[in-house]
N, C-alpha and C. Protein backbone atom coordinates (compact mmCIF):
# COMPACT_ATOMS: atom_id res chain seq x y z
N MET A 1 5.51 54.52 7.52
CA MET A 1 5.71 54.36 6.32
C MET A 1 6.92 53.38 5.83
N LYS A 2 7.66 54.46 6.27
CA LYS A 2 9.52 54.10 6.18
C LYS A 2 9.72 52.91 6.65
N LEU A 3 9.05 52.41 7.90
CA LEU A 3 9.36 51.50 8.58
C LEU A 3 8.89 50.27 7.98
N GLN A 4 7.73 50.29 7.48
CA GLN A 4 6.76 49.15 6.93
C GLN A 4 8.16 49.09 5.51
N VAL A 5 8.45 49.96 4.97
CA VAL A 5 9.26 49.25 3.55
C VAL A 5 10.60 48.88 4.18
N LYS A 6 11.08 49.22 5.01
CA LYS A 6 12.62 48.70 5.40
C LYS A 6 12.21 47.40 5.84
N PHE A 7 10.98 47.08 6.68
CA PHE A 7 10.73 45.62 7.26
C PHE A 7 10.46 44.81 5.93
N LEU A 8 9.65 45.40 5.05
CA LEU A 8 9.68 44.73 3.83
C LEU A 8 10.73 44.08 3.17
N ALA A 9 11.59 45.03 2.90
CA ALA A 9 12.95 44.91 2.51
C ALA A 9 13.64 43.82 3.32
N PHE A 10 13.65 44.07 4.52
CA PHE A 10 14.67 42.99 5.18
C PHE A 10 14.01 41.63 5.07
N LEU A 11 12.54 41.24 4.83
CA LEU A 11 12.03 40.29 4.86
C LEU A 11 12.38 39.69 3.29
N VAL A 12 12.60 40.41 2.53
CA VAL A 12 12.74 39.71 1.19
C VAL A 12 13.99 39.42 0.94
N VAL A 13 15.28 40.30 1.32
CA VAL A 13 16.47 39.81 1.67
C VAL A 13 17.11 38.79 2.40
N PHE A 14 15.93 38.61 3.73
CA PHE A 14 16.34 37.26 4.49
C PHE A 14 15.63 36.42 3.53
N THR A 15 14.87 36.29 3.25
CA THR A 15 14.19 35.08 2.26
C THR A 15 15.33 34.50 1.05
N LEU A 16 15.59 35.47 0.47
CA LEU A 16 16.33 34.88 -0.52
C LEU A 16 17.58 34.73 -0.10
N PHE A 17 18.75 34.82 0.88
CA PHE A 17 19.72 34.27 1.69
C PHE A 17 19.78 33.22 2.51
N SER A 18 18.42 33.28 3.35
CA SER A 18 18.24 31.97 4.02
C SER A 18 17.86 30.91 3.29
N CYS A 19 17.67 30.75 2.32
CA CYS A 19 16.81 29.24 1.19
C CYS A 19 17.84 29.07 0.44
N LYS A 20 18.96 29.37 0.31
CA LYS A 20 20.28 29.09 -0.90
C LYS A 20 20.83 27.73 -0.34
N ASP A 21 20.75 27.52 0.47
CA ASP A 21 21.03 25.95 0.90
C ASP A 21 20.78 25.01 0.35
N ASN A 22 21.17 24.01 0.07
CA ASN A 22 20.74 22.55 -0.90
C ASN A 22 20.42 21.42 -0.07
N THR A 23 19.41 21.74 0.83
CA THR A 23 18.76 20.36 1.54
C THR A 23 19.19 19.18 1.41
N ALA A 24 18.94 18.93 -0.03
CA ALA A 24 19.36 17.48 -0.63
C ALA A 24 20.67 17.06 -0.53
N SER A 25 21.82 18.21 -0.16
CA SER A 25 22.96 17.76 -0.04
C SER A 25 23.35 17.38 1.86
N LYS A 26 22.23 17.49 2.73
CA LYS A 26 22.54 17.20 3.60
C LYS A 26 21.54 15.91 4.39
N ILE A 27 21.06 15.09 3.21
CA ILE A 27 20.78 13.87 3.37
C ILE A 27 21.98 12.95 3.75
N LYS A 28 21.98 12.07 4.96
CA LYS A 28 22.88 11.09 4.97
C LYS A 28 23.04 9.65 4.05
N LYS A 29 23.51 9.54 3.40
CA LYS A 29 23.62 7.96 2.66
C LYS A 29 23.53 7.06 3.38
N GLU A 30 23.66 6.82 4.35
CA GLU A 30 23.36 5.67 5.43
C GLU A 30 22.05 5.59 5.58
N ASN A 31 21.52 6.97 5.69
CA ASN A 31 20.15 7.25 6.41
C ASN A 31 19.17 6.60 5.39
N LEU A 32 19.73 6.69 4.09
CA LEU A 32 18.88 6.60 2.90
C LEU A 32 18.66 4.85 2.51
N GLU A 33 20.02 4.54 2.59
CA GLU A 33 20.00 2.80 2.85
C GLU A 33 18.93 2.13 3.84
N ILE A 34 19.56 2.76 5.17
CA ILE A 34 18.47 2.28 6.26
C ILE A 34 16.82 2.25 6.16
N ALA A 35 16.30 3.54 5.23
CA ALA A 35 15.08 3.64 4.61
C ALA A 35 14.70 2.75 3.78
N LYS A 36 15.46 2.14 2.92
CA LYS A 36 15.52 1.39 1.93
C LYS A 36 15.19 0.03 2.31
N GLN A 37 16.05 -0.59 3.55
CA GLN A 37 16.14 -1.65 3.78
C GLN A 37 14.64 -2.08 4.74
N ARG A 38 14.44 -0.98 5.60
CA ARG A 38 13.15 -0.93 6.16
C ARG A 38 12.15 -0.76 4.93
N ASP A 39 12.10 -0.02 4.12
CA ASP A 39 10.60 -0.14 3.16
C ASP A 39 10.61 -1.57 2.93
N TYR A 40 11.75 -2.15 2.24
CA TYR A 40 11.48 -3.60 1.84
C TYR A 40 11.41 -4.21 2.70
N LYS A 41 11.51 -4.46 3.86
CA LYS A 41 11.08 -5.54 5.00
C LYS A 41 9.57 -5.35 5.01
N MET A 42 8.97 -4.44 5.01
CA MET A 42 7.61 -3.85 5.02
C MET A 42 6.62 -4.47 3.95
N THR A 43 7.21 -4.60 2.86
CA THR A 43 6.63 -5.00 1.59
C THR A 43 7.24 -6.94 1.26
N GLU A 44 8.13 -6.87 1.80
CA GLU A 44 8.83 -8.27 1.92
C GLU A 44 7.49 -9.70 1.66
N GLY A 45 6.59 -9.51 2.89
CA GLY A 45 5.76 -10.33 3.57
C GLY A 45 4.01 -9.60 2.58
N ALA A 46 4.62 -8.69 1.92
CA ALA A 46 2.97 -8.12 1.38
C ALA A 46 2.39 -9.38 0.50
N SER A 47 0.90 -9.43 0.61
CA SER A 47 0.30 -10.26 -0.57
C SER A 47 0.58 -9.46 -1.79
N VAL A 48 0.50 -10.20 -2.91
CA VAL A 48 0.35 -9.98 -4.34
C VAL A 48 -1.03 -10.51 -4.94
N ILE A 49 -1.84 -9.43 -5.98
CA ILE A 49 -2.75 -9.81 -6.34
C ILE A 49 -2.45 -10.23 -7.90
N SER A 50 -2.58 -11.28 -8.64
CA SER A 50 -2.04 -11.69 -9.98
C SER A 50 -3.45 -11.55 -10.83
N PHE A 51 -3.47 -10.89 -11.98
CA PHE A 51 -4.67 -10.97 -12.60
C PHE A 51 -4.46 -12.04 -13.70
N SER A 52 -5.29 -12.49 -14.20
CA SER A 52 -5.25 -13.24 -15.40
C SER A 52 -5.47 -12.00 -16.80
N LYS A 53 -5.89 -11.05 -16.28
CA LYS A 53 -6.19 -9.72 -17.26
C LYS A 53 -6.34 -8.67 -16.46
N THR A 54 -6.03 -7.58 -17.28
CA THR A 54 -6.25 -5.90 -16.26
C THR A 54 -7.01 -5.19 -17.10
N GLN A 55 -7.15 -5.78 -18.44
CA GLN A 55 -8.11 -4.94 -19.15
C GLN A 55 -9.12 -5.74 -20.07
N HIS A 56 -10.13 -5.24 -20.13
CA HIS A 56 -11.01 -5.69 -20.67
C HIS A 56 -11.74 -4.71 -21.93
N ASP A 57 -12.05 -5.16 -23.11
CA ASP A 57 -12.55 -4.08 -24.39
C ASP A 57 -13.87 -4.92 -24.86
N PHE A 58 -14.87 -4.47 -24.51
CA PHE A 58 -16.32 -4.68 -24.67
C PHE A 58 -16.25 -4.91 -26.30
N GLY A 59 -15.68 -4.04 -27.11
CA GLY A 59 -15.57 -3.91 -28.41
C GLY A 59 -16.88 -2.48 -28.81
N ASN A 60 -17.44 -3.40 -29.59
CA ASN A 60 -18.61 -2.14 -30.10
C ASN A 60 -19.97 -2.50 -29.65
N ILE A 61 -20.77 -1.58 -28.46
CA ILE A 61 -21.84 -1.94 -28.19
C ILE A 61 -22.93 -0.70 -28.42
N ASN A 62 -23.66 -0.92 -28.31
CA ASN A 62 -24.81 0.07 -28.17
C ASN A 62 -25.47 1.33 -27.19
N GLU A 63 -25.63 2.17 -27.44
CA GLU A 63 -25.92 2.80 -26.17
C GLU A 63 -27.11 2.18 -25.61
N GLY A 64 -26.97 2.20 -24.37
CA GLY A 64 -28.25 1.66 -23.16
C GLY A 64 -27.67 0.25 -23.13
N ASP A 65 -26.93 -0.34 -23.68
CA ASP A 65 -26.53 -2.04 -23.28
C ASP A 65 -26.02 -1.87 -21.97
N LYS A 66 -26.07 -2.78 -21.43
CA LYS A 66 -25.73 -3.24 -19.98
C LYS A 66 -24.85 -4.36 -20.02
N VAL A 67 -23.47 -4.21 -20.05
CA VAL A 67 -22.21 -5.46 -20.10
C VAL A 67 -21.67 -5.41 -18.38
N GLU A 68 -20.81 -6.59 -18.30
CA GLU A 68 -20.13 -6.98 -17.45
C GLU A 68 -18.94 -7.99 -18.03
N THR A 69 -18.04 -7.80 -17.10
CA THR A 69 -16.91 -8.83 -17.38
C THR A 69 -16.28 -9.11 -16.18
N THR A 70 -15.34 -10.11 -16.14
CA THR A 70 -15.03 -10.70 -14.26
C THR A 70 -13.57 -10.57 -14.53
N PHE A 71 -12.74 -9.92 -14.05
CA PHE A 71 -11.49 -10.67 -13.91
C PHE A 71 -10.99 -11.20 -12.67
N ASP A 72 -10.31 -12.45 -12.95
CA ASP A 72 -10.12 -13.14 -12.52
C ASP A 72 -8.50 -12.74 -11.48
N PHE A 73 -8.57 -13.12 -10.45
CA PHE A 73 -6.86 -13.09 -9.81
C PHE A 73 -6.44 -14.05 -8.94
N LYS A 74 -5.16 -14.40 -8.57
CA LYS A 74 -4.91 -15.18 -7.70
C LYS A 74 -3.96 -14.50 -6.31
N ASN A 75 -3.89 -14.82 -5.37
CA ASN A 75 -3.30 -14.07 -4.24
C ASN A 75 -1.64 -14.95 -4.39
N THR A 76 -0.75 -14.37 -5.08
CA THR A 76 0.56 -14.84 -5.44
C THR A 76 1.69 -14.13 -4.03
N GLY A 77 0.98 -13.59 -3.17
CA GLY A 77 2.31 -13.31 -1.99
C GLY A 77 2.15 -13.70 -1.06
N LYS A 78 2.70 -13.38 0.08
CA LYS A 78 3.09 -14.34 1.35
C LYS A 78 2.03 -14.04 2.51
N SER A 79 1.17 -13.19 2.49
CA SER A 79 0.03 -12.79 3.35
C SER A 79 -1.04 -12.91 2.75
N ALA A 80 -2.26 -13.11 3.62
CA ALA A 80 -3.51 -12.94 3.07
C ALA A 80 -3.78 -11.49 2.26
N LEU A 81 -4.56 -11.68 1.36
CA LEU A 81 -5.10 -10.95 0.59
C LEU A 81 -6.20 -9.94 1.00
N ILE A 82 -6.40 -8.46 0.97
CA ILE A 82 -7.57 -8.02 1.92
C ILE A 82 -8.06 -6.86 0.56
N ILE A 83 -9.19 -6.83 0.11
CA ILE A 83 -9.45 -5.99 -0.53
C ILE A 83 -10.71 -5.15 0.17
N THR A 84 -10.32 -3.77 0.61
CA THR A 84 -11.02 -3.00 1.75
C THR A 84 -11.97 -1.88 0.45
N ASN A 85 -11.85 -1.77 -0.69
CA ASN A 85 -12.59 -1.15 -1.58
C ASN A 85 -12.01 -1.35 -2.90
N ALA A 86 -13.47 -1.05 -3.68
CA ALA A 86 -13.12 -0.85 -5.13
C ALA A 86 -14.36 0.15 -5.98
N SER A 87 -13.64 1.23 -6.34
CA SER A 87 -14.07 2.25 -6.87
C SER A 87 -13.61 2.64 -8.34
N SER A 88 -14.64 3.01 -9.17
CA SER A 88 -14.66 3.33 -10.63
C SER A 88 -14.99 5.09 -10.70
N THR A 89 -13.95 5.13 -12.15
CA THR A 89 -14.23 6.47 -12.55
C THR A 89 -15.28 7.32 -12.97
N CYS A 90 -16.27 6.34 -12.57
CA CYS A 90 -17.96 6.97 -13.34
C CYS A 90 -19.10 5.90 -12.62
N GLY A 91 -19.98 6.52 -12.32
CA GLY A 91 -20.78 6.04 -11.40
C GLY A 91 -21.48 4.78 -12.14
N CYS A 92 -21.34 5.15 -13.88
CA CYS A 92 -22.17 4.06 -14.65
C CYS A 92 -21.51 2.86 -14.80
N THR A 93 -20.51 2.58 -13.70
CA THR A 93 -19.10 1.28 -13.82
C THR A 93 -19.66 1.01 -12.21
N ILE A 94 -19.86 0.31 -12.26
CA ILE A 94 -20.35 -0.80 -10.78
C ILE A 94 -19.21 -1.93 -10.65
N PRO A 95 -18.30 -2.01 -9.51
CA PRO A 95 -17.14 -3.40 -9.22
C PRO A 95 -17.88 -4.19 -8.01
N GLU A 96 -17.64 -4.89 -8.37
CA GLU A 96 -18.22 -6.30 -6.93
C GLU A 96 -16.89 -6.85 -6.65
N TYR A 97 -16.31 -6.55 -5.25
CA TYR A 97 -15.25 -7.57 -5.05
C TYR A 97 -15.26 -8.16 -3.92
N PRO A 98 -14.47 -9.31 -3.39
CA PRO A 98 -14.84 -10.51 -2.30
C PRO A 98 -14.62 -9.49 -1.02
N LYS A 99 -15.29 -9.52 -0.12
CA LYS A 99 -14.98 -8.84 1.14
C LYS A 99 -14.26 -9.71 2.19
N GLU A 100 -14.16 -10.92 1.79
CA GLU A 100 -13.02 -11.87 2.66
C GLU A 100 -11.90 -12.00 2.32
N PRO A 101 -11.07 -12.16 3.28
CA PRO A 101 -10.02 -12.15 2.89
C PRO A 101 -9.35 -13.51 1.92
N ILE A 102 -8.66 -13.28 1.21
CA ILE A 102 -8.25 -14.54 0.26
C ILE A 102 -6.88 -14.94 0.52
N PRO A 103 -6.59 -16.31 0.80
CA PRO A 103 -5.44 -16.74 1.27
C PRO A 103 -4.50 -16.76 0.50
N VAL A 104 -3.16 -16.87 0.60
CA VAL A 104 -1.82 -17.47 0.03
C VAL A 104 -2.54 -18.44 -0.79
N GLY A 105 -2.10 -18.37 -2.30
CA GLY A 105 -2.65 -19.17 -3.15
C GLY A 105 -3.90 -19.22 -3.58
N GLY A 106 -4.84 -18.48 -2.79
CA GLY A 106 -6.29 -18.45 -3.29
C GLY A 106 -6.96 -17.56 -4.10
N THR A 107 -7.90 -17.92 -4.95
CA THR A 107 -8.45 -17.07 -5.87
C THR A 107 -9.65 -16.34 -5.58
N GLY A 108 -9.93 -15.25 -6.82
CA GLY A 108 -10.85 -14.70 -6.31
C GLY A 108 -11.07 -13.95 -7.84
N SER A 109 -12.39 -13.36 -7.70
CA SER A 109 -12.65 -12.40 -8.65
C SER A 109 -13.46 -11.03 -8.49
N ILE A 110 -12.77 -9.86 -9.50
CA ILE A 110 -13.81 -8.68 -9.49
C ILE A 110 -14.66 -8.88 -10.85
N THR A 111 -16.15 -8.66 -10.17
CA THR A 111 -17.34 -8.57 -11.58
C THR A 111 -17.18 -6.86 -11.65
N VAL A 112 -17.73 -6.53 -13.31
CA VAL A 112 -17.61 -5.05 -13.22
C VAL A 112 -18.56 -5.05 -14.18
N LYS A 113 -19.32 -3.85 -13.86
CA LYS A 113 -20.91 -3.89 -14.66
C LYS A 113 -20.48 -2.47 -15.40
N PHE A 114 -21.36 -2.27 -16.94
CA PHE A 114 -21.11 -1.18 -17.36
C PHE A 114 -22.48 -0.95 -18.06
N ASN A 115 -22.92 0.06 -17.64
CA ASN A 115 -24.24 0.84 -18.24
C ASN A 115 -23.63 2.02 -19.12
N SER A 116 -24.17 1.43 -20.36
CA SER A 116 -23.67 2.58 -21.67
C SER A 116 -24.66 3.52 -21.87
N ALA A 117 -25.72 3.71 -20.98
CA ALA A 117 -26.95 4.43 -21.22
C ALA A 117 -25.94 6.24 -20.83
N GLY A 118 -26.72 6.90 -22.24
CA GLY A 118 -25.71 8.63 -22.07
C GLY A 118 -24.37 8.51 -22.42
N LYS A 119 -23.61 7.30 -22.59
CA LYS A 119 -22.30 7.19 -22.62
C LYS A 119 -21.58 7.08 -23.98
N PRO A 120 -22.10 7.69 -24.91
CA PRO A 120 -21.65 7.52 -26.29
C PRO A 120 -20.20 7.50 -26.62
N ASN A 121 -20.06 6.66 -27.63
CA ASN A 121 -18.33 7.28 -28.58
C ASN A 121 -17.57 6.13 -27.58
N GLN A 122 -16.15 6.40 -27.77
CA GLN A 122 -15.14 5.69 -26.99
C GLN A 122 -15.14 5.69 -25.40
N GLN A 123 -15.19 4.59 -24.46
CA GLN A 123 -15.14 4.78 -23.23
C GLN A 123 -14.02 3.56 -22.98
N ASN A 124 -13.48 4.95 -21.32
CA ASN A 124 -12.51 3.91 -21.09
C ASN A 124 -12.48 4.19 -19.19
N LYS A 125 -12.80 3.31 -18.88
CA LYS A 125 -13.16 3.24 -17.21
C LYS A 125 -12.37 2.55 -16.68
N VAL A 126 -11.77 3.37 -15.36
CA VAL A 126 -10.56 2.65 -14.56
C VAL A 126 -11.08 2.04 -13.10
N VAL A 127 -11.14 0.97 -12.78
CA VAL A 127 -11.60 0.53 -11.61
C VAL A 127 -10.30 0.67 -10.64
N THR A 128 -10.50 1.29 -9.47
CA THR A 128 -9.29 1.09 -8.14
C THR A 128 -9.57 0.16 -7.18
N LEU A 129 -9.00 -0.59 -6.86
CA LEU A 129 -9.07 -1.45 -5.77
C LEU A 129 -8.22 -0.90 -4.76
N THR A 130 -8.49 -0.80 -3.16
CA THR A 130 -7.79 -0.60 -2.13
C THR A 130 -7.11 -1.82 -1.76
N THR A 131 -5.94 -2.07 -1.40
CA THR A 131 -5.71 -3.74 -1.42
C THR A 131 -4.31 -3.04 -0.16
N ASN A 132 -3.99 -4.36 0.55
CA ASN A 132 -2.98 -4.62 1.21
C ASN A 132 -1.51 -5.24 0.44
N THR A 133 -1.48 -5.03 -0.47
CA THR A 133 -0.56 -5.24 -1.50
C THR A 133 0.42 -4.29 -0.96
N ALA A 134 1.94 -4.35 -2.12
CA ALA A 134 2.59 -3.18 -1.71
C ALA A 134 2.30 -2.05 -1.81
N ASN A 135 1.79 -1.86 -2.84
CA ASN A 135 1.32 -0.70 -3.53
C ASN A 135 0.21 -0.05 -3.16
N GLY A 136 -0.72 -0.79 -2.05
CA GLY A 136 -1.68 -0.66 -1.89
C GLY A 136 -3.04 0.01 -2.74
N LYS A 137 -2.79 0.02 -3.72
CA LYS A 137 -4.01 0.09 -4.95
C LYS A 137 -3.48 -0.41 -6.00
N GLU A 138 -4.88 -1.51 -6.46
CA GLU A 138 -4.13 -1.94 -8.01
C GLU A 138 -5.31 -1.43 -8.76
N THR A 139 -5.10 -1.54 -10.48
CA THR A 139 -6.01 -1.26 -11.19
C THR A 139 -6.55 -2.32 -12.20
N VAL A 140 -8.14 -1.87 -12.66
CA VAL A 140 -8.26 -3.06 -14.07
C VAL A 140 -9.05 -1.64 -14.74
N VAL A 141 -9.10 -1.89 -15.92
CA VAL A 141 -9.52 -1.10 -16.96
C VAL A 141 -10.51 -1.91 -17.78
N ILE A 142 -11.77 -0.98 -18.02
CA ILE A 142 -12.75 -1.53 -19.19
C ILE A 142 -12.90 -0.38 -20.28
N LYS A 143 -13.06 -1.23 -21.58
CA LYS A 143 -13.08 -0.27 -22.59
C LYS A 143 -14.22 -0.68 -23.37
N ALA A 144 -14.92 0.46 -24.31
CA ALA A 144 -15.95 0.13 -24.82
C ALA A 144 -16.05 1.38 -26.14
N ASN A 145 -16.71 0.83 -27.27
CA ASN A 145 -17.11 1.80 -28.30
C ASN A 145 -18.56 1.94 -28.22
N VAL A 146 -18.82 2.73 -27.67
CA VAL A 146 -20.44 3.12 -27.67
C VAL A 146 -21.17 3.43 -28.96
N THR A 147 -21.84 2.89 -29.53
CA THR A 147 -22.42 3.43 -30.74
C THR A 147 -23.72 4.29 -30.41
N PRO A 148 -23.51 5.66 -30.69
CA PRO A 148 -24.74 6.35 -30.37
C PRO A 148 -26.45 5.79 -30.75
N LYS A 149 -27.39 6.16 -29.88
CA LYS A 149 -28.68 6.00 -30.20
C LYS A 149 -28.80 7.00 -31.35
N GLN A 150 -29.86 6.35 -32.16
CA GLN A 150 -30.16 7.34 -33.26
C GLN A 150 -31.33 8.47 -32.76
N LYS A 151 -31.27 9.21 -33.38
CA LYS A 151 -32.27 10.15 -32.55
C LYS A 151 -33.70 10.47 -33.74
N ALA A 152 -34.78 10.52 -32.90
CA ALA A 152 -35.61 10.59 -33.75
C ALA A 152 -35.96 11.28 -34.71
N SER A 153 -36.64 11.36 -35.71
CA SER A 153 -36.31 12.88 -36.92
C SER A 153 -38.16 13.41 -36.56
């Protein structure tokens, strides 16, 4: 038992004193600059998706309404734009996106359909696109104020 207590005390003391070095002070500034330049070169020729709008507000709709909107975009980058996936925060929101690469200067659109059934009150849904842009992910948002169905008396 004494051996276990001594060993535990040794571990506590060792842990406290072995972690007192400030690891951030060991980073060389020239390595940071090299990493910044490398990252810049990687994104320098990336595609850029430029949306005509990134949000759409449907305003007031009735619960059960099915609505849709389109987010138009242009590839303003230096390489073909590739969208590999589009997902939403809710199964009630269905995005449709182009599966083929969008060339430099080319245009495309994302259609987002929203089914308000069972979704009363204020709704904000985010659609996330997985892309080959510098960020790797881009988002668009839809909003609606859904008037609840009147319950039968």
